Amino acid sequence: MADVVNKIKILEELAKLGGEDEVFLLTIDKLTRYKKDKLAEDLKEIKAQMRSFEDEYAMDSDAFILKFDKGEVGDNMDFMEWASLCDMKKRIQDRLILLEGV
């Protein structure tokens, strides 16, 4: 990951110096579209997994995570996995919001 960050910093410096061109911009657009599409696919898969827990426990994920955070649902393996999926969903949604500004 550090390698990616370093490369992005170099590209940022080039852009500041006027080093961008049409191919440069098209490439960045393509990379951001790829990342958005990948995150959207990941989000779809996570939501499907969450739905299976919602169906099994007759509770939506928002209600579950509130109870989980308060320690009201216990700590069986399903609940740990479900909470993890809720966290993953939030992180992906945050990244998608960030990418909307690109």
N, C-alpha and C. Protein backbone atom coordinates (compact mmCIF):
# COMPACT_ATOMS: atom_id res chain seq x y z
N MET A 1 0.82 -1.19 0.00
CA MET A 1 0.00 0.00 0.00
C MET A 1 0.87 1.25 0.00
N ALA A 2 1.98 1.20 0.70
CA ALA A 2 2.87 2.37 0.74
C ALA A 2 3.37 2.70 -0.67
N ASP A 3 3.60 1.67 -1.48
CA ASP A 3 4.06 1.89 -2.85
C ASP A 3 3.01 2.66 -3.66
N VAL A 4 1.75 2.30 -3.48
CA VAL A 4 0.67 2.99 -4.19
C VAL A 4 0.61 4.46 -3.76
N VAL A 5 0.70 4.68 -2.46
CA VAL A 5 0.64 6.05 -1.94
C VAL A 5 1.80 6.88 -2.49
N ASN A 6 2.98 6.30 -2.53
CA ASN A 6 4.14 7.02 -3.07
C ASN A 6 3.95 7.37 -4.54
N LYS A 7 3.43 6.43 -5.31
CA LYS A 7 3.19 6.69 -6.73
C LYS A 7 2.15 7.79 -6.92
N ILE A 8 1.11 7.78 -6.09
CA ILE A 8 0.09 8.81 -6.19
C ILE A 8 0.66 10.18 -5.84
N LYS A 9 1.53 10.22 -4.85
CA LYS A 9 2.18 11.49 -4.49
C LYS A 9 3.03 12.02 -5.65
N ILE A 10 3.72 11.14 -6.33
CA ILE A 10 4.53 11.55 -7.48
C ILE A 10 3.63 12.09 -8.59
N LEU A 11 2.52 11.40 -8.85
CA LEU A 11 1.57 11.86 -9.87
C LEU A 11 0.97 13.21 -9.48
N GLU A 12 0.72 13.39 -8.19
CA GLU A 12 0.21 14.67 -7.72
C GLU A 12 1.21 15.79 -8.00
N GLU A 13 2.48 15.52 -7.74
CA GLU A 13 3.51 16.53 -8.00
C GLU A 13 3.61 16.84 -9.49
N LEU A 14 3.52 15.81 -10.32
CA LEU A 14 3.52 16.03 -11.77
C LEU A 14 2.34 16.89 -12.20
N ALA A 15 1.18 16.61 -11.63
CA ALA A 15 -0.02 17.38 -11.98
C ALA A 15 0.16 18.84 -11.56
N LYS A 16 0.74 19.07 -10.41
CA LYS A 16 0.98 20.44 -9.95
C LYS A 16 1.94 21.18 -10.88
N LEU A 17 2.85 20.45 -11.45
CA LEU A 17 3.83 21.04 -12.37
C LEU A 17 3.28 21.16 -13.79
N GLY A 18 2.05 20.77 -13.99
CA GLY A 18 1.45 20.83 -15.33
C GLY A 18 1.81 19.61 -16.15
N GLY A 19 2.09 18.50 -15.50
CA GLY A 19 2.50 17.29 -16.20
C GLY A 19 1.36 16.42 -16.69
N GLU A 20 0.11 16.85 -16.47
CA GLU A 20 -1.00 16.02 -16.91
C GLU A 20 -1.31 16.26 -18.39
N ASP A 21 -1.92 15.30 -18.96
CA ASP A 21 -2.39 15.42 -20.34
C ASP A 21 -3.67 14.62 -20.46
N GLU A 22 -4.24 14.54 -21.66
CA GLU A 22 -5.52 13.85 -21.83
C GLU A 22 -5.43 12.38 -21.44
N VAL A 23 -4.37 11.69 -21.82
CA VAL A 23 -4.21 10.28 -21.48
C VAL A 23 -4.10 10.11 -19.97
N PHE A 24 -3.36 11.00 -19.35
CA PHE A 24 -3.20 11.00 -17.90
C PHE A 24 -4.57 11.10 -17.22
N LEU A 25 -5.38 12.06 -17.65
CA LEU A 25 -6.70 12.26 -17.06
C LEU A 25 -7.64 11.09 -17.34
N LEU A 26 -7.61 10.58 -18.55
CA LEU A 26 -8.44 9.42 -18.90
C LEU A 26 -8.07 8.20 -18.06
N THR A 27 -6.79 8.03 -17.83
CA THR A 27 -6.32 6.90 -17.02
C THR A 27 -6.81 7.02 -15.58
N ILE A 28 -6.72 8.21 -15.04
CA ILE A 28 -7.20 8.43 -13.67
C ILE A 28 -8.71 8.19 -13.60
N ASP A 29 -9.45 8.68 -14.59
CA ASP A 29 -10.89 8.44 -14.64
C ASP A 29 -11.21 6.96 -14.70
N LYS A 30 -10.45 6.24 -15.51
CA LYS A 30 -10.67 4.80 -15.64
C LYS A 30 -10.38 4.08 -14.33
N LEU A 31 -9.32 4.47 -13.65
CA LEU A 31 -8.98 3.86 -12.36
C LEU A 31 -10.05 4.13 -11.31
N THR A 32 -10.56 5.34 -11.27
CA THR A 32 -11.59 5.65 -10.27
C THR A 32 -12.90 4.93 -10.60
N ARG A 33 -13.24 4.82 -11.88
CA ARG A 33 -14.44 4.05 -12.27
C ARG A 33 -14.27 2.58 -11.88
N TYR A 34 -13.08 2.03 -12.12
CA TYR A 34 -12.81 0.63 -11.75
C TYR A 34 -13.01 0.44 -10.25
N LYS A 35 -12.46 1.36 -9.46
CA LYS A 35 -12.55 1.24 -8.00
C LYS A 35 -14.00 1.36 -7.54
N LYS A 36 -14.75 2.30 -8.12
CA LYS A 36 -16.17 2.44 -7.78
C LYS A 36 -16.94 1.16 -8.10
N ASP A 37 -16.69 0.60 -9.28
CA ASP A 37 -17.37 -0.63 -9.69
C ASP A 37 -17.02 -1.79 -8.76
N LYS A 38 -15.76 -1.89 -8.41
CA LYS A 38 -15.31 -2.96 -7.52
C LYS A 38 -15.94 -2.82 -6.14
N LEU A 39 -15.95 -1.61 -5.62
CA LEU A 39 -16.57 -1.38 -4.31
C LEU A 39 -18.06 -1.65 -4.35
N ALA A 40 -18.73 -1.25 -5.42
CA ALA A 40 -20.17 -1.50 -5.57
C ALA A 40 -20.45 -3.01 -5.58
N GLU A 41 -19.62 -3.76 -6.27
CA GLU A 41 -19.76 -5.22 -6.30
C GLU A 41 -19.54 -5.82 -4.91
N ASP A 42 -18.51 -5.35 -4.22
CA ASP A 42 -18.24 -5.82 -2.85
C ASP A 42 -19.42 -5.51 -1.94
N LEU A 43 -19.98 -4.30 -2.07
CA LEU A 43 -21.11 -3.89 -1.25
C LEU A 43 -22.31 -4.79 -1.51
N LYS A 44 -22.54 -5.12 -2.75
CA LYS A 44 -23.66 -5.99 -3.11
C LYS A 44 -23.51 -7.36 -2.44
N GLU A 45 -22.30 -7.91 -2.48
CA GLU A 45 -22.05 -9.22 -1.86
C GLU A 45 -22.23 -9.17 -0.35
N ILE A 46 -21.75 -8.11 0.28
CA ILE A 46 -21.87 -7.98 1.73
C ILE A 46 -23.33 -7.84 2.12
N LYS A 47 -24.08 -7.05 1.38
CA LYS A 47 -25.51 -6.88 1.67
C LYS A 47 -26.24 -8.22 1.56
N ALA A 48 -25.87 -9.03 0.60
CA ALA A 48 -26.51 -10.36 0.44
C ALA A 48 -26.21 -11.23 1.66
N GLN A 49 -24.98 -11.18 2.13
CA GLN A 49 -24.61 -11.96 3.32
C GLN A 49 -25.35 -11.44 4.55
N MET A 50 -25.49 -10.13 4.64
CA MET A 50 -26.21 -9.53 5.77
C MET A 50 -27.68 -9.94 5.74
N ARG A 51 -28.27 -9.98 4.54
CA ARG A 51 -29.68 -10.37 4.41
C ARG A 51 -29.92 -11.78 4.95
N SER A 52 -28.95 -12.66 4.75
CA SER A 52 -29.16 -14.02 5.26
C SER A 52 -29.23 -14.03 6.79
N PHE A 53 -28.42 -13.20 7.46
CA PHE A 53 -28.51 -13.08 8.91
C PHE A 53 -29.81 -12.39 9.32
N GLU A 54 -30.23 -11.38 8.56
CA GLU A 54 -31.48 -10.69 8.86
C GLU A 54 -32.67 -11.66 8.78
N ASP A 55 -32.65 -12.51 7.77
CA ASP A 55 -33.72 -13.50 7.62
C ASP A 55 -33.68 -14.53 8.75
N GLU A 56 -32.49 -15.01 9.05
CA GLU A 56 -32.34 -16.04 10.09
C GLU A 56 -32.76 -15.54 11.46
N TYR A 57 -32.42 -14.30 11.78
CA TYR A 57 -32.69 -13.76 13.13
C TYR A 57 -33.86 -12.77 13.15
N ALA A 58 -34.57 -12.62 12.03
CA ALA A 58 -35.76 -11.76 11.95
C ALA A 58 -35.50 -10.37 12.52
N MET A 59 -34.38 -9.78 12.07
CA MET A 59 -34.00 -8.44 12.55
C MET A 59 -33.20 -7.78 11.45
N ASP A 60 -33.45 -6.48 11.21
CA ASP A 60 -32.63 -5.82 10.20
C ASP A 60 -31.26 -5.47 10.80
N SER A 61 -30.32 -5.22 9.94
CA SER A 61 -28.94 -5.02 10.37
C SER A 61 -28.76 -3.76 11.21
N ASP A 62 -29.53 -2.71 10.92
CA ASP A 62 -29.43 -1.49 11.71
C ASP A 62 -29.83 -1.75 13.16
N ALA A 63 -30.94 -2.45 13.34
CA ALA A 63 -31.39 -2.79 14.70
C ALA A 63 -30.39 -3.73 15.37
N PHE A 64 -29.89 -4.69 14.60
CA PHE A 64 -28.91 -5.63 15.16
C PHE A 64 -27.67 -4.91 15.68
N ILE A 65 -27.09 -4.02 14.87
CA ILE A 65 -25.82 -3.42 15.26
C ILE A 65 -26.00 -2.53 16.48
N LEU A 66 -27.16 -1.89 16.62
CA LEU A 66 -27.43 -1.12 17.84
C LEU A 66 -27.44 -2.03 19.06
N LYS A 67 -28.12 -3.16 18.95
CA LYS A 67 -28.16 -4.12 20.06
C LYS A 67 -26.78 -4.72 20.32
N PHE A 68 -26.07 -5.04 19.25
CA PHE A 68 -24.74 -5.63 19.38
C PHE A 68 -23.81 -4.67 20.12
N ASP A 69 -23.84 -3.40 19.72
CA ASP A 69 -22.96 -2.41 20.35
C ASP A 69 -23.29 -2.20 21.83
N LYS A 70 -24.54 -2.45 22.20
CA LYS A 70 -24.95 -2.33 23.60
C LYS A 70 -24.72 -3.62 24.38
N GLY A 71 -24.28 -4.67 23.68
CA GLY A 71 -24.06 -5.96 24.33
C GLY A 71 -25.33 -6.72 24.63
N GLU A 72 -26.37 -6.47 23.85
CA GLU A 72 -27.68 -7.07 24.10
C GLU A 72 -27.96 -8.34 23.31
N VAL A 73 -27.05 -8.76 22.44
CA VAL A 73 -27.35 -9.94 21.61
C VAL A 73 -26.40 -11.11 21.87
N GLY A 74 -25.46 -10.95 22.73
CA GLY A 74 -24.52 -12.03 22.97
C GLY A 74 -23.36 -11.97 22.00
N ASP A 75 -22.52 -12.98 22.06
CA ASP A 75 -21.30 -12.96 21.24
C ASP A 75 -21.06 -14.27 20.51
N ASN A 76 -22.15 -14.89 20.04
CA ASN A 76 -21.93 -16.12 19.27
C ASN A 76 -21.28 -15.78 17.93
N MET A 77 -20.80 -16.77 17.28
CA MET A 77 -20.02 -16.58 16.06
C MET A 77 -20.81 -15.87 14.96
N ASP A 78 -22.08 -16.20 14.81
CA ASP A 78 -22.92 -15.53 13.80
C ASP A 78 -22.97 -14.03 14.05
N PHE A 79 -23.14 -13.64 15.32
CA PHE A 79 -23.25 -12.23 15.64
C PHE A 79 -21.93 -11.50 15.39
N MET A 80 -20.83 -12.16 15.66
CA MET A 80 -19.52 -11.55 15.39
C MET A 80 -19.34 -11.34 13.88
N GLU A 81 -19.73 -12.34 13.10
CA GLU A 81 -19.62 -12.22 11.65
C GLU A 81 -20.54 -11.14 11.11
N TRP A 82 -21.77 -11.10 11.63
CA TRP A 82 -22.74 -10.11 11.19
C TRP A 82 -22.25 -8.70 11.51
N ALA A 83 -21.71 -8.51 12.71
CA ALA A 83 -21.18 -7.19 13.09
C ALA A 83 -20.00 -6.81 12.19
N SER A 84 -19.19 -7.78 11.86
CA SER A 84 -18.06 -7.53 10.96
C SER A 84 -18.56 -7.10 9.58
N LEU A 85 -19.59 -7.74 9.10
CA LEU A 85 -20.19 -7.36 7.81
C LEU A 85 -20.75 -5.94 7.86
N CYS A 86 -21.36 -5.59 8.98
CA CYS A 86 -21.88 -4.22 9.14
C CYS A 86 -20.74 -3.20 9.07
N ASP A 87 -19.63 -3.53 9.73
CA ASP A 87 -18.46 -2.63 9.68
C ASP A 87 -17.90 -2.53 8.27
N MET A 88 -17.81 -3.65 7.58
CA MET A 88 -17.31 -3.65 6.21
C MET A 88 -18.21 -2.82 5.31
N LYS A 89 -19.52 -2.97 5.48
CA LYS A 89 -20.47 -2.20 4.68
C LYS A 89 -20.24 -0.70 4.89
N LYS A 90 -20.08 -0.29 6.13
CA LYS A 90 -19.85 1.12 6.44
C LYS A 90 -18.57 1.64 5.80
N ARG A 91 -17.48 0.87 5.89
CA ARG A 91 -16.21 1.28 5.28
C ARG A 91 -16.34 1.42 3.77
N ILE A 92 -17.02 0.48 3.13
CA ILE A 92 -17.20 0.54 1.68
C ILE A 92 -18.05 1.75 1.30
N GLN A 93 -19.13 1.99 2.05
CA GLN A 93 -19.97 3.14 1.76
C GLN A 93 -19.18 4.44 1.91
N ASP A 94 -18.33 4.53 2.93
CA ASP A 94 -17.50 5.72 3.12
C ASP A 94 -16.56 5.92 1.94
N ARG A 95 -15.99 4.83 1.44
CA ARG A 95 -15.09 4.93 0.28
C ARG A 95 -15.84 5.35 -0.98
N LEU A 96 -17.04 4.84 -1.14
CA LEU A 96 -17.84 5.22 -2.30
C LEU A 96 -18.20 6.72 -2.24
N ILE A 97 -18.53 7.20 -1.06
CA ILE A 97 -18.82 8.63 -0.90
C ILE A 97 -17.59 9.45 -1.25
N LEU A 98 -16.43 9.01 -0.80
CA LEU A 98 -15.18 9.69 -1.11
C LEU A 98 -14.94 9.73 -2.62
N LEU A 99 -15.19 8.63 -3.29
CA LEU A 99 -14.99 8.55 -4.74
C LEU A 99 -15.98 9.38 -5.52
N GLU A 100 -17.13 9.67 -4.94
CA GLU A 100 -18.10 10.51 -5.64
C GLU A 100 -17.54 11.91 -5.90
N GLY A 101 -16.60 12.33 -5.08
CA GLY A 101 -15.99 13.64 -5.26
C GLY A 101 -14.93 13.67 -6.34
N VAL A 102 -14.60 12.52 -6.91
CA VAL A 102 -13.53 12.44 -7.92
C VAL A 102 -14.12 12.70 -9.29
